[in-house]
Amino acid sequence: LQLLVCTSTLAWGVNLPAHLVVIKGTEYYDAKSKRYVDFPITDILQMMGRAGRPQYDQHGKAVILVHEPKKSFYKKFLYEPFPVESSLREQLHDHINAEIVSGTICHKEDAVHYLTWTYLFRRLVVNPAYYGLEHTDPENISSYLSSLSINVFEDLEDGGCIKVDGDGVEPTMLGSIASLYYLKYTTLSMFASKIEANTSLEGFLQILSEASEYDELPVRHNEENYNAELSAKLPYAVDKNLLDDPHVKANLLFQAHFSRVELPITDYVTDLKSVLDQSVRIIQAMIDLCANSGWLSSTLTCMRLLQMVMQGLWYDGNDSSLRMLTCLNKDISSKLNQRGVSTILQLLDLHPATAEKLFGVGSRLQEEVQRFPSIEVQSRVEKQNEGDDLRVWISLKNVNGSKRASGSKAYTPRYPKVKEEGWWLVVGNRRSSELYAFKRVSFRDVARVKMDVRIPSNHAHQAKLKIEDAELVVVSDCYLGYELAYPL
């Protein structure tokens, strides 16, 4: 006899056939409402579906243990056809925003026409009461859809994601970024209100944790006690009155990941994977917002935050990059310090003979170092016209690309998914903290990139000074402290 006791997540999320399924209770703790609520009937059906799977069993049994008052309710829905209703209304803002960005919706009436092609419209006619509609005559339905569209447009405009000009609509930078990274419009609206030109790392971590994508992060019963214990071990404080809030939990999980603190229970390991998985596109959206705003300092800080996510380490200047080496110990650190090696880039520049002398032939450290790319960068600047426009030609070469068995796969042992190496090319002025141009590239061995740069200035003399101070910064999206700066 094989018996498996598992959570609801495993019961309906994994292809796990069984002869008998026992659902011990139909409620779960909802952190938002701070009470136990019923599982959706679809989840119950999904769990039951594990019993008697084709090719595994001829028949199956499912037993639901439920409170007596709910017995007739479950009987009704288990033995009678179950209507499937539309959930589009709850997600309509993000759908409409994406269609505006793609150009499908350019006018207000386009949104109403778009809705007539959805499942929502089909169910609206069949089951109007479910959607708060009393009559199904064409005039009422048209009025309902128009009202729905107008409310969405108003919310998107208030959130800064679209511009409305009469009957015409067009996307803004925020709306385009939200659509590109499949983020909720409320997340980008929050970014716009909180991210500034010199936002700190702690500030970015707080903003990341407050993203709407973490609204549904599970906070189980009594987990606020675990969160309180975890908070005491971490560097950044959180609100002690909100320890049962999913965004506070997300913040703690990020800090635990960077601090490499042991998580209190197994459920937190699963939650951390979910948090990290979503964080990549959220941080990339933050980077795009900062870059489009011309904020060099915030852009670089946010890039370092993504490096931290990939490596599971805090960024503490470029000196922190050596901590990416899993075999680093006090003896090796001492030898490296004596040689003046404090970064992974300096370690990559060591002559092979010197490295062999320090660590031995074929040492584990040498093998691990070869997992990191060694990038050579060359740039050439062309003046475009009489104004301040520049064209920068950039050549990138991975010197040890042929030595790496992993190819362009990133070395991220602390990140739960396979990651391709990516690079940001940033042209900016550290003195004025201005960002002039920004591009993301991926390559294995060599790449040649063209960047058009416009130096914003009111006077030719100012433009000349800014050009003299401008530099090209090549930043890795996965290796901590991997930043190469070159004057233009």
Protein backbone atom coordinates (compact mmCIF):
# COMPACT_ATOMS: atom_id res chain seq x y z
CA LEU A 1 0.00 0.00 0.00
CA GLN A 2 1.40 3.38 -1.03
CA LEU A 3 0.03 6.40 0.80
CA LEU A 4 0.79 10.06 0.13
CA VAL A 5 -0.25 12.89 2.44
CA CYS A 6 0.17 16.23 0.69
CA THR A 7 -0.99 19.81 0.46
CA SER A 8 -3.69 21.00 -1.91
CA THR A 9 -1.01 22.51 -4.16
CA LEU A 10 0.48 19.10 -4.88
CA ALA A 11 -2.96 17.52 -5.12
CA TRP A 12 -4.10 19.67 -8.03
CA GLY A 13 -0.81 20.92 -9.43
CA VAL A 14 1.09 17.70 -10.13
CA ASN A 15 0.26 14.83 -12.46
CA LEU A 16 -0.06 12.25 -9.70
CA PRO A 17 -2.51 9.39 -10.37
CA ALA A 18 -4.15 7.56 -7.47
CA HIS A 19 -6.88 4.97 -6.90
CA LEU A 20 -8.37 6.72 -3.88
CA VAL A 21 -8.34 10.45 -3.14
CA VAL A 22 -9.45 11.72 0.26
CA ILE A 23 -9.99 15.48 0.54
CA LYS A 24 -9.81 16.22 4.24
CA GLY A 25 -11.71 19.47 4.41
CA THR A 26 -12.72 21.96 1.77
CA GLU A 27 -11.38 25.14 3.39
CA TYR A 28 -8.05 26.94 3.43
CA TYR A 29 -6.73 29.94 5.32
CA ASP A 30 -6.91 33.15 3.29
CA ALA A 31 -4.42 35.75 4.53
CA LYS A 32 -6.25 38.63 2.86
CA SER A 33 -9.53 38.09 4.67
CA LYS A 34 -7.76 36.52 7.68
CA ARG A 35 -10.21 33.64 7.84
CA TYR A 36 -10.84 30.19 6.41
CA VAL A 37 -12.59 30.17 3.04
CA ASP A 38 -13.82 27.43 0.71
CA PHE A 39 -11.72 26.07 -2.10
CA PRO A 40 -13.14 26.92 -5.52
CA ILE A 41 -15.26 24.05 -6.76
CA THR A 42 -12.95 23.74 -9.77
CA ASP A 43 -10.03 23.01 -7.42
CA ILE A 44 -12.06 20.32 -5.68
CA LEU A 45 -12.83 18.73 -9.05
CA GLN A 46 -9.15 18.92 -9.99
CA MET A 47 -8.12 17.12 -6.80
CA MET A 48 -10.78 14.47 -7.33
CA GLY A 49 -9.52 14.01 -10.87
CA ARG A 50 -6.37 12.34 -9.55
CA ALA A 51 -8.45 9.22 -8.85
CA GLY A 52 -8.94 6.64 -11.58
CA ARG A 53 -6.70 8.20 -14.20
CA PRO A 54 -6.86 6.58 -17.66
CA GLN A 55 -4.00 4.16 -18.41
CA TYR A 56 -3.40 3.77 -14.66
CA ASP A 57 -6.70 2.47 -13.27
CA GLN A 58 -10.06 1.13 -14.42
CA HIS A 59 -11.96 3.17 -11.86
CA GLY A 60 -11.25 5.47 -8.95
CA LYS A 61 -12.77 6.68 -5.71
CA ALA A 62 -12.91 10.15 -4.23
CA VAL A 63 -14.02 10.97 -0.69
CA ILE A 64 -14.74 14.54 0.40
CA LEU A 65 -14.86 15.23 4.13
CA VAL A 66 -17.03 18.31 4.52
CA HIS A 67 -19.17 20.06 7.14
CA GLU A 68 -22.76 18.84 7.19
CA PRO A 69 -24.29 22.21 6.15
CA LYS A 70 -22.24 22.16 2.94
CA LYS A 71 -22.98 18.56 2.03
CA SER A 72 -25.93 19.31 -0.25
CA PHE A 73 -23.98 22.12 -1.94
CA TYR A 74 -21.16 19.80 -2.98
CA LYS A 75 -23.59 17.08 -4.03
CA LYS A 76 -25.32 19.52 -6.34
CA PHE A 77 -22.15 20.65 -8.08
CA LEU A 78 -20.53 17.22 -8.23
CA TYR A 79 -23.48 15.45 -9.80
CA GLU A 80 -24.91 18.21 -11.98
CA PRO A 81 -23.34 20.14 -14.87
CA PHE A 82 -21.19 22.97 -13.58
CA PRO A 83 -21.44 26.28 -15.49
CA VAL A 84 -18.17 28.00 -16.30
CA GLU A 85 -18.35 31.77 -16.01
CA SER A 86 -15.95 34.41 -17.27
CA SER A 87 -13.34 35.99 -15.00
CA LEU A 88 -12.36 38.62 -17.55
CA ARG A 89 -13.85 41.52 -15.59
CA GLU A 90 -11.31 41.08 -12.79
CA GLN A 91 -8.41 41.12 -15.27
CA LEU A 92 -9.89 43.47 -17.86
CA HIS A 93 -7.58 46.42 -17.15
CA ASP A 94 -4.47 44.48 -18.10
CA HIS A 95 -6.10 42.95 -21.19
CA ILE A 96 -7.30 46.32 -22.46
CA ASN A 97 -3.90 47.88 -21.74
CA ALA A 98 -2.16 45.16 -23.75
CA GLU A 99 -4.55 45.64 -26.67
CA ILE A 100 -3.95 49.40 -26.61
CA VAL A 101 -0.19 48.83 -26.69
CA SER A 102 -0.51 46.39 -29.59
CA GLY A 103 -2.69 48.85 -31.51
CA THR A 104 -5.82 46.69 -31.54
CA ILE A 105 -7.68 49.32 -29.51
CA CYS A 106 -7.14 52.91 -30.66
CA HIS A 107 -10.54 54.39 -29.83
CA LYS A 108 -13.03 53.91 -27.03
CA GLU A 109 -15.52 52.15 -29.28
CA ASP A 110 -12.81 49.63 -30.20
CA ALA A 111 -12.88 48.39 -26.60
CA VAL A 112 -16.62 47.70 -26.76
CA HIS A 113 -16.15 45.88 -30.06
CA TYR A 114 -13.29 43.89 -28.51
CA LEU A 115 -15.53 42.79 -25.63
CA THR A 116 -18.18 41.45 -28.00
CA TRP A 117 -15.67 38.82 -29.14
CA THR A 118 -14.97 37.52 -25.64
CA TYR A 119 -16.41 34.68 -23.59
CA LEU A 120 -17.62 37.34 -21.14
CA PHE A 121 -20.05 38.61 -23.78
CA ARG A 122 -21.34 35.08 -24.46
CA ARG A 123 -22.02 34.41 -20.78
CA LEU A 124 -23.46 37.89 -20.28
CA VAL A 125 -26.30 36.98 -22.62
CA VAL A 126 -26.88 33.54 -21.08
CA ASN A 127 -26.46 34.37 -17.37
CA PRO A 128 -26.84 38.15 -16.94
CA ALA A 129 -27.61 38.03 -13.21
CA TYR A 130 -24.15 36.64 -12.46
CA TYR A 131 -22.62 39.80 -13.92
CA GLY A 132 -25.05 42.23 -12.32
CA LEU A 133 -27.16 42.77 -15.43
CA GLU A 134 -30.96 42.65 -15.21
CA HIS A 135 -32.03 42.57 -18.85
CA THR A 136 -30.39 41.19 -21.98
CA ASP A 137 -31.86 43.48 -24.59
CA PRO A 138 -29.22 44.98 -26.94
CA GLU A 139 -29.48 48.46 -25.42
CA ASN A 140 -28.79 47.24 -21.88
CA ILE A 141 -25.90 45.04 -22.96
CA SER A 142 -24.36 47.86 -25.00
CA SER A 143 -24.70 50.24 -22.05
CA TYR A 144 -23.13 47.66 -19.72
CA LEU A 145 -20.12 47.12 -21.99
CA SER A 146 -19.66 50.86 -22.55
CA SER A 147 -19.73 51.51 -18.81
CA LEU A 148 -17.24 48.70 -18.25
CA SER A 149 -14.88 50.13 -20.88
CA ILE A 150 -15.13 53.70 -19.58
CA ASN A 151 -14.28 52.60 -16.04
CA VAL A 152 -11.26 50.69 -17.32
CA PHE A 153 -10.05 53.66 -19.37
CA GLU A 154 -10.40 55.97 -16.37
CA ASP A 155 -8.42 53.62 -14.12
CA LEU A 156 -5.68 53.12 -16.71
CA GLU A 157 -5.44 56.86 -17.28
CA ASP A 158 -5.27 57.56 -13.54
CA GLY A 159 -2.53 54.93 -13.30
CA GLY A 160 -0.51 56.69 -16.00
CA CYS A 161 -0.67 53.74 -18.42
CA ILE A 162 -2.65 55.39 -21.23
CA LYS A 163 -3.43 58.83 -22.61
CA VAL A 164 -7.01 59.62 -23.56
CA ASP A 165 -7.60 62.35 -26.12
CA GLY A 166 -11.30 62.65 -26.83
CA ASP A 167 -12.29 59.23 -28.16
CA GLY A 168 -8.70 58.27 -28.98
CA VAL A 169 -6.39 56.34 -26.66
CA GLU A 170 -2.67 55.66 -26.84
CA PRO A 171 -0.22 53.88 -24.54
CA THR A 172 2.34 55.59 -22.32
CA MET A 173 5.75 54.29 -21.30
CA LEU A 174 4.23 52.70 -18.19
CA GLY A 175 1.53 50.92 -20.16
CA SER A 176 4.04 49.63 -22.70
CA ILE A 177 6.33 48.26 -19.99
CA ALA A 178 3.40 46.59 -18.20
CA SER A 179 2.34 44.90 -21.44
CA LEU A 180 5.89 43.87 -22.37
CA TYR A 181 6.53 42.07 -19.08
CA TYR A 182 2.96 40.85 -18.45
CA LEU A 183 2.68 42.91 -15.28
CA LYS A 184 -0.43 44.39 -13.71
CA TYR A 185 -1.02 48.03 -14.48
CA THR A 186 -1.22 48.75 -10.74
CA THR A 187 2.38 47.55 -10.37
CA LEU A 188 3.71 50.05 -12.91
CA SER A 189 1.58 52.81 -11.43
CA MET A 190 3.11 52.08 -8.03
CA PHE A 191 6.62 52.08 -9.54
CA ALA A 192 6.04 55.50 -11.07
CA SER A 193 4.97 56.95 -7.73
CA LYS A 194 7.79 55.47 -5.64
CA ILE A 195 10.92 55.10 -7.79
CA GLU A 196 13.12 58.19 -7.88
CA ALA A 197 16.41 59.24 -9.47
CA ASN A 198 18.49 58.02 -6.51
CA THR A 199 16.41 55.25 -4.97
CA SER A 200 18.48 53.09 -2.63
CA LEU A 201 18.87 49.32 -2.74
CA GLU A 202 16.68 48.99 0.34
CA GLY A 203 14.08 51.19 -1.35
CA PHE A 204 14.09 49.06 -4.49
CA LEU A 205 13.71 45.89 -2.43
CA GLN A 206 10.69 47.38 -0.67
CA ILE A 207 9.16 48.50 -3.98
CA LEU A 208 9.78 45.07 -5.53
CA SER A 209 8.03 43.37 -2.62
CA GLU A 210 5.01 45.65 -2.96
CA ALA A 211 4.32 44.60 -6.56
CA SER A 212 0.74 43.48 -7.18
CA GLU A 213 2.08 40.17 -8.51
CA TYR A 214 2.72 39.16 -4.88
CA ASP A 215 -0.85 39.87 -3.73
CA GLU A 216 -1.65 36.16 -3.79
CA LEU A 217 1.52 34.91 -2.10
CA PRO A 218 0.13 32.48 0.48
CA VAL A 219 0.40 33.45 4.14
CA ARG A 220 -0.82 30.42 6.03
CA HIS A 221 -2.33 30.26 9.48
CA ASN A 222 0.16 31.28 12.19
CA GLU A 223 2.91 32.04 9.67
CA GLU A 224 3.22 35.52 11.14
CA ASN A 225 5.13 33.82 13.96
CA TYR A 226 7.62 32.36 11.49
CA ASN A 227 7.89 35.75 9.81
CA ALA A 228 8.69 37.43 13.12
CA GLU A 229 11.48 34.92 13.81
CA LEU A 230 12.84 35.30 10.29
CA SER A 231 12.75 39.10 10.49
CA ALA A 232 15.02 39.07 13.55
CA LYS A 233 17.78 37.41 11.48
CA LEU A 234 17.67 39.83 8.54
CA PRO A 235 19.25 43.27 7.98
CA TYR A 236 16.26 45.33 6.81
CA ALA A 237 13.37 45.87 9.21
CA VAL A 238 9.76 45.26 8.20
CA ASP A 239 6.51 46.50 9.72
CA LYS A 240 5.88 44.32 12.77
CA ASN A 241 2.15 45.00 12.51
CA LEU A 242 1.95 43.50 9.01
CA LEU A 243 3.71 40.18 9.47
CA ASP A 244 0.70 38.40 7.99
CA ASP A 245 0.83 40.53 4.83
CA PRO A 246 1.97 38.73 1.63
CA HIS A 247 4.16 41.67 0.58
CA VAL A 248 5.99 41.66 3.91
CA LYS A 249 6.52 37.94 3.53
CA ALA A 250 7.90 38.49 0.01
CA ASN A 251 10.34 41.05 1.43
CA LEU A 252 11.50 38.59 4.09
CA LEU A 253 11.92 35.80 1.55
CA PHE A 254 14.10 38.03 -0.63
CA GLN A 255 16.25 39.02 2.34
CA ALA A 256 16.56 35.41 3.46
CA HIS A 257 17.64 34.47 -0.07
CA PHE A 258 20.34 37.17 -0.11
CA SER A 259 21.49 36.40 3.45
CA ARG A 260 21.37 32.63 2.82
CA VAL A 261 19.38 32.15 6.00
CA GLU A 262 17.73 28.79 6.53
CA LEU A 263 13.99 28.99 5.98
CA PRO A 264 11.74 27.89 8.86
CA ILE A 265 9.56 25.33 7.04
CA THR A 266 9.43 23.54 3.70
CA ASP A 267 6.49 25.63 2.50
CA TYR A 268 8.74 28.68 2.55
CA VAL A 269 11.12 26.98 0.10
CA THR A 270 8.26 26.58 -2.37
CA ASP A 271 7.13 30.16 -1.75
CA LEU A 272 10.67 31.45 -2.33
CA LYS A 273 10.85 29.73 -5.71
CA SER A 274 7.59 31.40 -6.71
CA VAL A 275 8.79 34.80 -5.50
CA LEU A 276 12.12 34.52 -7.33
CA ASP A 277 10.48 33.29 -10.52
CA GLN A 278 8.26 36.37 -10.77
CA SER A 279 10.93 38.80 -9.61
CA VAL A 280 12.96 38.73 -12.85
CA ARG A 281 10.34 40.37 -15.06
CA ILE A 282 9.34 42.77 -12.28
CA ILE A 283 12.93 43.98 -11.83
CA GLN A 284 13.44 44.21 -15.58
CA ALA A 285 10.39 46.48 -15.72
CA MET A 286 11.88 48.62 -12.94
CA ILE A 287 15.14 48.87 -14.88
CA ASP A 288 13.31 49.91 -18.06
CA LEU A 289 11.40 52.59 -16.16
CA CYS A 290 14.61 54.01 -14.65
CA ALA A 291 16.45 53.89 -17.98
CA ASN A 292 13.61 55.58 -19.85
CA SER A 293 13.59 58.28 -17.17
CA GLY A 294 17.33 58.86 -17.69
CA TRP A 295 18.30 57.93 -14.12
CA LEU A 296 21.74 56.34 -14.16
CA SER A 297 22.14 55.76 -10.43
CA SER A 298 18.76 54.07 -9.97
CA THR A 299 19.24 52.01 -13.13
CA LEU A 300 22.57 50.58 -11.92
CA THR A 301 21.18 49.95 -8.43
CA CYS A 302 18.25 48.04 -9.87
CA MET A 303 20.57 45.99 -12.09
CA ARG A 304 22.52 45.00 -8.98
CA LEU A 305 19.26 43.91 -7.36
CA LEU A 306 18.70 41.46 -10.22
CA GLN A 307 22.28 40.20 -9.81
CA MET A 308 21.49 39.62 -6.13
CA VAL A 309 18.41 37.59 -7.04
CA MET A 310 20.44 35.43 -9.42
CA GLN A 311 23.30 34.77 -7.00
CA GLY A 312 21.50 34.76 -3.66
CA LEU A 313 23.92 37.31 -2.20
CA TRP A 314 23.87 40.89 -0.99
CA TYR A 315 25.64 43.47 -3.14
CA ASP A 316 28.34 45.13 -1.08
CA GLY A 317 30.42 46.87 -3.71
CA ASN A 318 32.39 44.95 -6.31
CA ASP A 319 34.30 43.19 -3.52
CA SER A 320 31.23 41.03 -2.92
CA SER A 321 31.62 39.30 -6.29
CA LEU A 322 34.12 36.71 -4.98
CA ARG A 323 31.41 35.32 -2.73
CA MET A 324 29.79 33.83 -5.83
CA LEU A 325 32.48 31.13 -5.65
CA THR A 326 31.03 28.21 -3.71
CA CYS A 327 34.47 26.81 -2.86
CA LEU A 328 35.79 30.07 -1.41
CA ASN A 329 37.27 29.62 2.08
CA LYS A 330 39.51 31.58 4.44
CA ASP A 331 42.71 30.07 3.05
CA ILE A 332 41.82 30.93 -0.55
CA SER A 333 40.60 34.39 0.48
CA SER A 334 43.91 35.06 2.23
CA LYS A 335 45.91 34.05 -0.85
CA LEU A 336 43.76 36.23 -3.08
CA ASN A 337 44.08 39.22 -0.74
CA GLN A 338 47.87 38.88 -0.77
CA ARG A 339 47.74 39.10 -4.56
CA GLY A 340 45.40 42.10 -4.41
CA VAL A 341 42.55 40.12 -5.95
CA SER A 342 39.22 41.28 -4.54
CA THR A 343 36.81 40.81 -7.46
CA ILE A 344 35.84 38.04 -9.84
CA LEU A 345 37.08 40.19 -12.74
CA GLN A 346 40.57 40.40 -11.22
CA LEU A 347 40.52 36.66 -10.65
CA LEU A 348 39.66 36.06 -14.30
CA ASP A 349 42.60 38.28 -15.31
CA LEU A 350 45.13 36.18 -13.36
CA HIS A 351 47.70 34.50 -15.59
CA PRO A 352 47.04 30.73 -15.78
CA ALA A 353 50.52 29.96 -14.44
CA THR A 354 49.95 32.25 -11.46
CA ALA A 355 46.57 30.66 -10.78
CA GLU A 356 48.05 27.15 -10.91
CA LYS A 357 50.81 28.19 -8.53
CA LEU A 358 48.30 29.64 -6.09
CA PHE A 359 45.63 26.96 -6.17
CA GLY A 360 47.20 23.91 -7.80
CA VAL A 361 46.70 22.33 -11.20
CA GLY A 362 43.08 21.49 -11.97
CA SER A 363 41.87 22.81 -8.64
CA ARG A 364 38.17 23.13 -7.94
CA LEU A 365 38.53 26.91 -7.74
CA GLN A 366 40.00 27.09 -11.24
CA GLU A 367 37.20 24.91 -12.58
CA GLU A 368 34.61 27.16 -10.98
CA VAL A 369 36.25 30.36 -12.22
CA GLN A 370 36.04 29.03 -15.78
CA ARG A 371 32.26 29.04 -15.45
CA PHE A 372 32.31 32.85 -15.51
CA PRO A 373 32.65 34.82 -18.74
CA SER A 374 35.64 37.06 -19.41
CA ILE A 375 34.48 39.90 -21.64
CA GLU A 376 36.63 42.14 -23.83
CA VAL A 377 34.98 45.39 -24.90
CA GLN A 378 35.95 47.76 -27.70
CA SER A 379 34.02 50.87 -28.66
CA ARG A 380 34.16 53.49 -31.40
CA VAL A 381 32.28 56.78 -31.37
CA GLU A 382 31.00 58.58 -34.46
CA LYS A 383 29.60 62.10 -34.54
CA GLN A 384 26.23 61.96 -36.26
CA ASN A 385 25.56 65.59 -37.19
CA GLU A 386 26.14 69.17 -36.14
CA GLY A 387 24.10 68.55 -33.00
CA ASP A 388 24.86 66.39 -30.00
CA ASP A 389 23.96 62.99 -31.47
CA LEU A 390 26.54 60.21 -31.27
CA ARG A 391 26.67 56.71 -32.68
CA VAL A 392 28.61 54.21 -30.60
CA TRP A 393 29.80 50.95 -32.15
CA ILE A 394 30.50 48.33 -29.50
CA SER A 395 32.30 45.01 -29.97
CA LEU A 396 31.91 42.36 -27.27
CA LYS A 397 34.00 39.22 -27.11
CA ASN A 398 33.83 36.40 -24.58
CA VAL A 399 37.50 35.44 -24.28
CA ASN A 400 36.94 32.15 -22.47
CA GLY A 401 33.73 31.25 -24.31
CA SER A 402 35.28 28.16 -25.91
CA LYS A 403 36.47 26.89 -22.50
CA ARG A 404 33.02 26.98 -20.95
CA ALA A 405 31.03 23.77 -21.23
CA SER A 406 27.87 25.64 -20.25
CA GLY A 407 28.03 27.92 -23.29
CA SER A 408 25.90 30.99 -22.69
CA LYS A 409 24.08 29.41 -19.74
CA ALA A 410 24.61 31.49 -16.62
CA TYR A 411 26.27 30.08 -13.53
CA THR A 412 23.53 30.70 -10.96
CA PRO A 413 23.53 27.82 -8.46
CA ARG A 414 21.17 29.64 -6.09
CA TYR A 415 18.54 30.47 -8.69
CA PRO A 416 15.94 27.71 -9.25
CA LYS A 417 15.76 27.99 -13.05
CA VAL A 418 18.15 27.82 -15.99
CA LYS A 419 19.20 31.32 -16.99
CA GLU A 420 20.79 32.62 -20.18
CA GLU A 421 23.49 35.24 -19.71
CA GLY A 422 22.41 38.74 -20.61
CA TRP A 423 24.22 42.07 -20.68
CA TRP A 424 23.17 45.68 -20.40
CA LEU A 425 25.03 48.34 -22.33
CA VAL A 426 24.62 51.70 -20.63
CA VAL A 427 25.95 55.04 -21.81
CA GLY A 428 25.79 57.66 -19.09
CA ASN A 429 27.47 60.30 -16.99
CA ARG A 430 28.19 59.33 -13.38
CA ARG A 431 28.99 62.91 -12.43
CA SER A 432 25.52 64.16 -13.34
CA SER A 433 23.89 60.73 -12.85
CA GLU A 434 22.33 60.94 -16.31
CA LEU A 435 21.65 57.97 -18.54
CA TYR A 436 21.86 58.71 -22.27
CA ALA A 437 21.35 55.31 -23.91
CA PHE A 438 20.52 51.78 -22.86
CA LYS A 439 20.39 48.41 -24.61
CA ARG A 440 20.08 44.77 -23.57
CA VAL A 441 22.05 42.11 -25.49
CA SER A 442 22.75 38.38 -25.31
CA PHE A 443 25.60 36.54 -27.01
CA ARG A 444 27.86 33.53 -26.61
CA ASP A 445 31.19 34.37 -28.25
CA VAL A 446 31.05 37.73 -30.03
CA ALA A 447 28.58 40.54 -30.61
CA ARG A 448 28.62 43.84 -32.46
CA VAL A 449 26.14 46.44 -31.27
CA LYS A 450 25.15 49.90 -32.49
CA MET A 451 23.86 52.49 -30.03
CA ASP A 452 22.55 55.93 -30.92
CA VAL A 453 23.21 58.40 -28.13
CA ARG A 454 21.71 61.83 -27.67
CA ILE A 455 23.33 64.10 -25.09
CA PRO A 456 20.61 66.37 -23.68
CA SER A 457 21.86 69.94 -23.31
CA ASN A 458 20.80 73.51 -23.99
CA HIS A 459 24.27 74.74 -24.90
CA ALA A 460 27.06 73.34 -27.05
CA HIS A 461 29.61 73.90 -24.26
CA GLN A 462 27.53 71.89 -21.79
CA ALA A 463 27.11 69.10 -24.34
CA LYS A 464 30.87 68.94 -24.87
CA LEU A 465 31.49 68.65 -21.13
CA LYS A 466 28.89 65.90 -20.84
CA ILE A 467 30.42 63.96 -23.74
CA GLU A 468 33.85 64.18 -22.10
CA ASP A 469 32.44 62.73 -18.86
CA ALA A 470 30.31 60.08 -20.57
CA GLU A 471 31.24 56.43 -20.27
CA LEU A 472 30.08 53.06 -21.48
CA VAL A 473 29.16 50.61 -18.73
CA VAL A 474 28.73 46.90 -19.51
CA VAL A 475 26.72 45.22 -16.76
CA SER A 476 25.92 41.52 -16.34
CA ASP A 477 22.34 40.61 -15.51
CA CYS A 478 23.35 37.64 -13.39
CA TYR A 479 26.90 38.02 -11.98
CA LEU A 480 27.28 40.10 -8.85
CA GLY A 481 29.44 43.20 -9.27
CA TYR A 482 30.24 42.39 -12.90
CA GLU A 483 30.46 45.95 -14.24
CA LEU A 484 32.96 47.11 -16.86
CA ALA A 485 33.27 50.87 -17.38
CA TYR A 486 35.01 52.52 -20.35
CA PRO A 487 35.30 56.24 -21.19
CA LEU A 488 33.87 57.18 -24.58
